[in-house]
Amino acid sequence: MGFQIIRSGKSKEIKFGNNRIAEILSTKRFSIAKVRKIGNDSKLGYHIKSDAAYYVLEGEGDIVVNRRKYYLKKGDFVFYPKGTRYKHHKGLTLLAIDSPPFDRKDRVYVK
């Protein structure tokens, strides 16, 4: 893949549960997406293969990491090594970076 400029209006949001996701870029090594949390029904889970990094673009809200609650606001950055149990709550718009690329089949949900 060569040099690219990806314009903001180019990525269309898709609905996935209480999330709105706009894929920005996906390569063999990583993926980048914009994730808007519009509901609190997300389940605690973890990635089997991917490390995940999130930058808060807009909003503020809680996250749960290994069953402990934390608060995030615009400008915060959080990193989850693969296997870390986490979920995000309503009110956050995030830039998600996953390596290797995010694959929904590699996310395991826990009770």
N, C-alpha and C. Protein backbone atom coordinates (compact mmCIF):
# COMPACT_ATOMS: atom_id res chain seq x y z
N MET A 1 0.84 -1.17 0.00
CA MET A 1 0.00 0.00 0.00
C MET A 1 0.89 1.23 0.00
N GLY A 2 0.55 2.18 -0.83
CA GLY A 2 1.32 3.39 -0.93
C GLY A 2 0.71 4.53 -0.14
N PHE A 3 1.27 5.70 -0.32
CA PHE A 3 0.82 6.93 0.34
C PHE A 3 -0.67 7.15 0.07
N GLN A 4 -1.39 7.61 1.11
CA GLN A 4 -2.81 7.92 0.97
C GLN A 4 -3.18 9.10 1.83
N ILE A 5 -4.14 9.88 1.35
CA ILE A 5 -4.85 10.86 2.17
C ILE A 5 -6.29 10.37 2.21
N ILE A 6 -6.81 10.18 3.40
CA ILE A 6 -8.17 9.68 3.56
C ILE A 6 -9.01 10.82 4.11
N ARG A 7 -9.92 11.31 3.32
CA ARG A 7 -10.76 12.44 3.71
C ARG A 7 -11.83 12.01 4.71
N SER A 8 -12.19 12.92 5.59
CA SER A 8 -13.11 12.60 6.69
C SER A 8 -14.49 12.13 6.22
N GLY A 9 -15.00 12.63 5.14
CA GLY A 9 -16.33 12.23 4.68
C GLY A 9 -16.35 10.94 3.89
N LYS A 10 -15.20 10.35 3.66
CA LYS A 10 -15.08 9.16 2.82
C LYS A 10 -15.59 7.88 3.49
N SER A 11 -15.46 7.78 4.80
CA SER A 11 -15.85 6.57 5.54
C SER A 11 -17.30 6.68 6.00
N LYS A 12 -18.10 5.70 5.66
CA LYS A 12 -19.51 5.66 6.06
C LYS A 12 -19.65 4.86 7.34
N GLU A 13 -20.49 5.35 8.25
CA GLU A 13 -20.75 4.63 9.49
C GLU A 13 -21.69 3.46 9.25
N ILE A 14 -21.38 2.36 9.95
CA ILE A 14 -22.30 1.22 9.96
C ILE A 14 -22.75 0.99 11.40
N LYS A 15 -23.93 0.48 11.54
CA LYS A 15 -24.48 0.22 12.87
C LYS A 15 -24.03 -1.18 13.31
N PHE A 16 -23.52 -1.26 14.53
CA PHE A 16 -23.16 -2.54 15.13
C PHE A 16 -23.58 -2.47 16.58
N GLY A 17 -24.76 -3.02 16.88
CA GLY A 17 -25.31 -2.91 18.24
C GLY A 17 -25.50 -1.45 18.60
N ASN A 18 -24.99 -1.05 19.75
CA ASN A 18 -25.07 0.35 20.17
C ASN A 18 -23.82 1.13 19.80
N ASN A 19 -23.16 0.71 18.74
CA ASN A 19 -21.99 1.41 18.22
C ASN A 19 -22.25 1.86 16.80
N ARG A 20 -21.61 2.92 16.42
CA ARG A 20 -21.55 3.35 15.02
C ARG A 20 -20.08 3.33 14.66
N ILE A 21 -19.73 2.54 13.65
CA ILE A 21 -18.33 2.33 13.30
C ILE A 21 -18.07 2.76 11.87
N ALA A 22 -17.03 3.55 11.67
CA ALA A 22 -16.59 3.96 10.34
C ALA A 22 -15.15 3.47 10.16
N GLU A 23 -14.97 2.47 9.31
CA GLU A 23 -13.63 1.98 9.05
C GLU A 23 -12.87 3.02 8.24
N ILE A 24 -11.69 3.37 8.70
CA ILE A 24 -10.88 4.38 8.02
C ILE A 24 -9.81 3.73 7.16
N LEU A 25 -9.11 2.75 7.72
CA LEU A 25 -8.02 2.11 6.98
C LEU A 25 -7.78 0.72 7.56
N SER A 26 -7.52 -0.23 6.68
CA SER A 26 -7.17 -1.57 7.13
C SER A 26 -6.06 -2.11 6.23
N THR A 27 -4.97 -2.55 6.86
CA THR A 27 -3.86 -3.16 6.14
C THR A 27 -3.64 -4.56 6.71
N LYS A 28 -2.61 -5.24 6.27
CA LYS A 28 -2.29 -6.55 6.82
C LYS A 28 -1.80 -6.46 8.26
N ARG A 29 -1.27 -5.29 8.67
CA ARG A 29 -0.66 -5.15 9.99
C ARG A 29 -1.53 -4.44 11.02
N PHE A 30 -2.45 -3.56 10.60
CA PHE A 30 -3.26 -2.82 11.56
C PHE A 30 -4.55 -2.33 10.90
N SER A 31 -5.49 -1.90 11.75
CA SER A 31 -6.72 -1.27 11.27
C SER A 31 -7.00 -0.03 12.10
N ILE A 32 -7.67 0.93 11.48
CA ILE A 32 -8.06 2.18 12.15
C ILE A 32 -9.53 2.42 11.85
N ALA A 33 -10.29 2.75 12.91
CA ALA A 33 -11.72 3.02 12.74
C ALA A 33 -12.16 4.09 13.73
N LYS A 34 -13.22 4.79 13.38
CA LYS A 34 -13.87 5.72 14.30
C LYS A 34 -15.06 4.99 14.91
N VAL A 35 -15.15 4.99 16.24
CA VAL A 35 -16.21 4.26 16.96
C VAL A 35 -16.98 5.25 17.82
N ARG A 36 -18.29 5.35 17.58
CA ARG A 36 -19.16 6.18 18.43
C ARG A 36 -19.99 5.26 19.30
N LYS A 37 -19.91 5.46 20.61
CA LYS A 37 -20.67 4.67 21.57
C LYS A 37 -22.00 5.39 21.83
N ILE A 38 -23.11 4.78 21.39
CA ILE A 38 -24.40 5.44 21.57
C ILE A 38 -25.29 4.70 22.55
N GLY A 39 -24.80 3.65 23.15
CA GLY A 39 -25.57 2.89 24.14
C GLY A 39 -24.65 2.20 25.12
N ASN A 40 -25.23 1.75 26.22
CA ASN A 40 -24.44 1.13 27.28
C ASN A 40 -24.57 -0.38 27.34
N ASP A 41 -25.02 -1.00 26.26
CA ASP A 41 -25.21 -2.45 26.33
C ASP A 41 -23.96 -3.24 25.94
N SER A 42 -22.83 -2.59 25.80
CA SER A 42 -21.64 -3.33 25.40
C SER A 42 -21.25 -4.33 26.47
N LYS A 43 -20.71 -5.43 26.01
CA LYS A 43 -20.36 -6.53 26.91
C LYS A 43 -18.87 -6.52 27.19
N LEU A 44 -18.52 -6.95 28.39
CA LEU A 44 -17.13 -7.10 28.75
C LEU A 44 -16.54 -8.21 27.88
N GLY A 45 -15.40 -7.92 27.28
CA GLY A 45 -14.78 -8.91 26.42
C GLY A 45 -13.31 -8.62 26.20
N TYR A 46 -12.68 -9.45 25.41
CA TYR A 46 -11.26 -9.26 25.11
C TYR A 46 -10.95 -9.78 23.70
N HIS A 47 -9.83 -9.34 23.17
CA HIS A 47 -9.37 -9.78 21.86
C HIS A 47 -8.35 -10.91 22.04
N ILE A 48 -8.48 -11.94 21.23
CA ILE A 48 -7.56 -13.07 21.28
C ILE A 48 -6.24 -12.72 20.60
N LYS A 49 -6.31 -12.00 19.47
CA LYS A 49 -5.11 -11.77 18.66
C LYS A 49 -4.63 -10.32 18.62
N SER A 50 -5.50 -9.36 18.82
CA SER A 50 -5.15 -7.95 18.60
C SER A 50 -4.87 -7.17 19.87
N ASP A 51 -3.85 -6.32 19.81
CA ASP A 51 -3.69 -5.24 20.77
C ASP A 51 -4.57 -4.11 20.27
N ALA A 52 -5.15 -3.34 21.18
CA ALA A 52 -6.05 -2.26 20.79
C ALA A 52 -5.65 -0.97 21.50
N ALA A 53 -5.66 0.12 20.75
CA ALA A 53 -5.40 1.44 21.30
C ALA A 53 -6.56 2.34 20.91
N TYR A 54 -7.01 3.17 21.86
CA TYR A 54 -8.13 4.07 21.61
C TYR A 54 -7.74 5.49 22.04
N TYR A 55 -8.06 6.45 21.17
CA TYR A 55 -7.88 7.86 21.47
C TYR A 55 -9.27 8.48 21.51
N VAL A 56 -9.57 9.22 22.58
CA VAL A 56 -10.90 9.83 22.72
C VAL A 56 -10.96 11.11 21.90
N LEU A 57 -11.73 11.06 20.81
CA LEU A 57 -11.90 12.21 19.91
C LEU A 57 -12.90 13.21 20.48
N GLU A 58 -13.99 12.69 21.05
CA GLU A 58 -15.06 13.54 21.57
C GLU A 58 -15.71 12.86 22.77
N GLY A 59 -16.31 13.68 23.61
CA GLY A 59 -17.12 13.17 24.71
C GLY A 59 -16.33 12.76 25.93
N GLU A 60 -17.05 12.12 26.83
CA GLU A 60 -16.47 11.62 28.07
C GLU A 60 -17.35 10.49 28.56
N GLY A 61 -16.77 9.60 29.33
CA GLY A 61 -17.55 8.47 29.83
C GLY A 61 -16.67 7.45 30.51
N ASP A 62 -17.34 6.44 30.99
CA ASP A 62 -16.66 5.38 31.73
C ASP A 62 -16.21 4.25 30.82
N ILE A 63 -15.17 3.57 31.26
CA ILE A 63 -14.74 2.31 30.68
C ILE A 63 -14.60 1.33 31.84
N VAL A 64 -14.69 0.07 31.54
CA VAL A 64 -14.45 -0.97 32.53
C VAL A 64 -13.29 -1.80 32.00
N VAL A 65 -12.25 -1.93 32.83
CA VAL A 65 -11.07 -2.71 32.46
C VAL A 65 -10.83 -3.73 33.57
N ASN A 66 -10.88 -5.00 33.19
CA ASN A 66 -10.71 -6.08 34.17
C ASN A 66 -11.62 -5.87 35.38
N ARG A 67 -12.87 -5.49 35.08
CA ARG A 67 -13.95 -5.29 36.07
C ARG A 67 -13.77 -4.05 36.96
N ARG A 68 -12.83 -3.18 36.65
CA ARG A 68 -12.63 -1.94 37.40
C ARG A 68 -13.00 -0.76 36.51
N LYS A 69 -13.72 0.23 37.06
CA LYS A 69 -14.22 1.36 36.29
C LYS A 69 -13.21 2.51 36.28
N TYR A 70 -13.06 3.12 35.08
CA TYR A 70 -12.21 4.30 34.89
C TYR A 70 -13.00 5.33 34.10
N TYR A 71 -12.57 6.57 34.18
CA TYR A 71 -13.23 7.67 33.48
C TYR A 71 -12.31 8.21 32.40
N LEU A 72 -12.84 8.41 31.18
CA LEU A 72 -12.08 8.99 30.08
C LEU A 72 -12.74 10.26 29.59
N LYS A 73 -11.93 11.17 29.07
CA LYS A 73 -12.45 12.40 28.46
C LYS A 73 -11.65 12.70 27.19
N LYS A 74 -12.12 13.68 26.44
CA LYS A 74 -11.49 14.07 25.17
C LYS A 74 -9.98 14.26 25.37
N GLY A 75 -9.21 13.65 24.46
CA GLY A 75 -7.76 13.77 24.51
C GLY A 75 -7.06 12.63 25.23
N ASP A 76 -7.81 11.81 25.97
CA ASP A 76 -7.21 10.67 26.66
C ASP A 76 -6.91 9.56 25.66
N PHE A 77 -5.95 8.72 26.04
CA PHE A 77 -5.52 7.60 25.21
C PHE A 77 -5.44 6.38 26.12
N VAL A 78 -5.91 5.24 25.63
CA VAL A 78 -5.86 4.02 26.43
C VAL A 78 -5.38 2.87 25.53
N PHE A 79 -4.58 2.00 26.11
CA PHE A 79 -4.02 0.86 25.38
C PHE A 79 -4.40 -0.44 26.08
N TYR A 80 -4.91 -1.40 25.31
CA TYR A 80 -5.29 -2.71 25.83
C TYR A 80 -4.46 -3.79 25.12
N PRO A 81 -3.52 -4.39 25.82
CA PRO A 81 -2.84 -5.55 25.22
C PRO A 81 -3.85 -6.67 25.00
N LYS A 82 -3.63 -7.51 24.01
CA LYS A 82 -4.55 -8.63 23.77
C LYS A 82 -4.76 -9.40 25.07
N GLY A 83 -6.00 -9.86 25.26
CA GLY A 83 -6.34 -10.58 26.48
C GLY A 83 -6.88 -9.71 27.60
N THR A 84 -6.78 -8.37 27.47
CA THR A 84 -7.31 -7.46 28.49
C THR A 84 -8.84 -7.39 28.36
N ARG A 85 -9.54 -7.62 29.45
CA ARG A 85 -11.01 -7.55 29.44
C ARG A 85 -11.44 -6.10 29.61
N TYR A 86 -12.26 -5.61 28.65
CA TYR A 86 -12.70 -4.22 28.72
C TYR A 86 -14.03 -4.01 28.01
N LYS A 87 -14.64 -2.86 28.33
CA LYS A 87 -15.81 -2.36 27.60
C LYS A 87 -15.88 -0.86 27.79
N HIS A 88 -16.50 -0.19 26.83
CA HIS A 88 -16.68 1.26 26.85
C HIS A 88 -18.16 1.57 27.02
N HIS A 89 -18.44 2.70 27.65
CA HIS A 89 -19.83 3.11 27.85
C HIS A 89 -20.21 4.26 26.92
N LYS A 90 -21.49 4.54 26.89
CA LYS A 90 -22.09 5.60 26.08
C LYS A 90 -21.39 6.94 26.31
N GLY A 91 -21.31 7.74 25.25
CA GLY A 91 -20.80 9.10 25.36
C GLY A 91 -19.41 9.31 24.79
N LEU A 92 -18.76 8.25 24.34
CA LEU A 92 -17.40 8.36 23.81
C LEU A 92 -17.38 8.20 22.30
N THR A 93 -16.59 9.04 21.63
CA THR A 93 -16.26 8.84 20.23
C THR A 93 -14.76 8.58 20.20
N LEU A 94 -14.39 7.42 19.67
CA LEU A 94 -13.02 6.94 19.79
C LEU A 94 -12.38 6.69 18.43
N LEU A 95 -11.09 6.92 18.36
CA LEU A 95 -10.30 6.48 17.23
C LEU A 95 -9.66 5.17 17.67
N ALA A 96 -10.01 4.06 17.02
CA ALA A 96 -9.55 2.73 17.40
C ALA A 96 -8.45 2.27 16.46
N ILE A 97 -7.34 1.82 17.03
CA ILE A 97 -6.24 1.29 16.25
C ILE A 97 -5.95 -0.12 16.78
N ASP A 98 -6.04 -1.11 15.91
CA ASP A 98 -5.84 -2.50 16.30
C ASP A 98 -4.72 -3.12 15.47
N SER A 99 -3.88 -3.91 16.15
CA SER A 99 -2.81 -4.62 15.45
C SER A 99 -2.67 -6.01 16.04
N PRO A 100 -2.79 -7.07 15.21
CA PRO A 100 -3.21 -7.06 13.81
C PRO A 100 -4.64 -6.52 13.68
N PRO A 101 -5.11 -6.34 12.44
CA PRO A 101 -6.43 -5.72 12.22
C PRO A 101 -7.55 -6.38 13.03
N PHE A 102 -8.49 -5.55 13.47
CA PHE A 102 -9.63 -6.03 14.24
C PHE A 102 -10.45 -7.02 13.43
N ASP A 103 -10.85 -8.10 14.07
CA ASP A 103 -11.73 -9.10 13.47
C ASP A 103 -12.73 -9.50 14.55
N ARG A 104 -14.03 -9.27 14.30
CA ARG A 104 -15.06 -9.55 15.30
C ARG A 104 -15.03 -11.01 15.78
N LYS A 105 -14.58 -11.91 14.94
CA LYS A 105 -14.52 -13.33 15.33
C LYS A 105 -13.46 -13.57 16.40
N ASP A 106 -12.53 -12.64 16.58
CA ASP A 106 -11.46 -12.80 17.57
C ASP A 106 -11.77 -12.11 18.89
N ARG A 107 -13.00 -11.58 19.05
CA ARG A 107 -13.41 -10.97 20.31
C ARG A 107 -14.22 -11.99 21.11
N VAL A 108 -13.82 -12.21 22.34
CA VAL A 108 -14.50 -13.16 23.22
C VAL A 108 -15.23 -12.35 24.30
N TYR A 109 -16.50 -12.67 24.53
CA TYR A 109 -17.29 -11.97 25.55
C TYR A 109 -17.37 -12.82 26.81
N VAL A 110 -17.32 -12.13 27.97
CA VAL A 110 -17.38 -12.82 29.25
C VAL A 110 -18.55 -12.29 30.06
N LYS A 111 -19.01 -13.06 31.03
CA LYS A 111 -20.14 -12.63 31.86
C LYS A 111 -19.66 -11.96 33.11
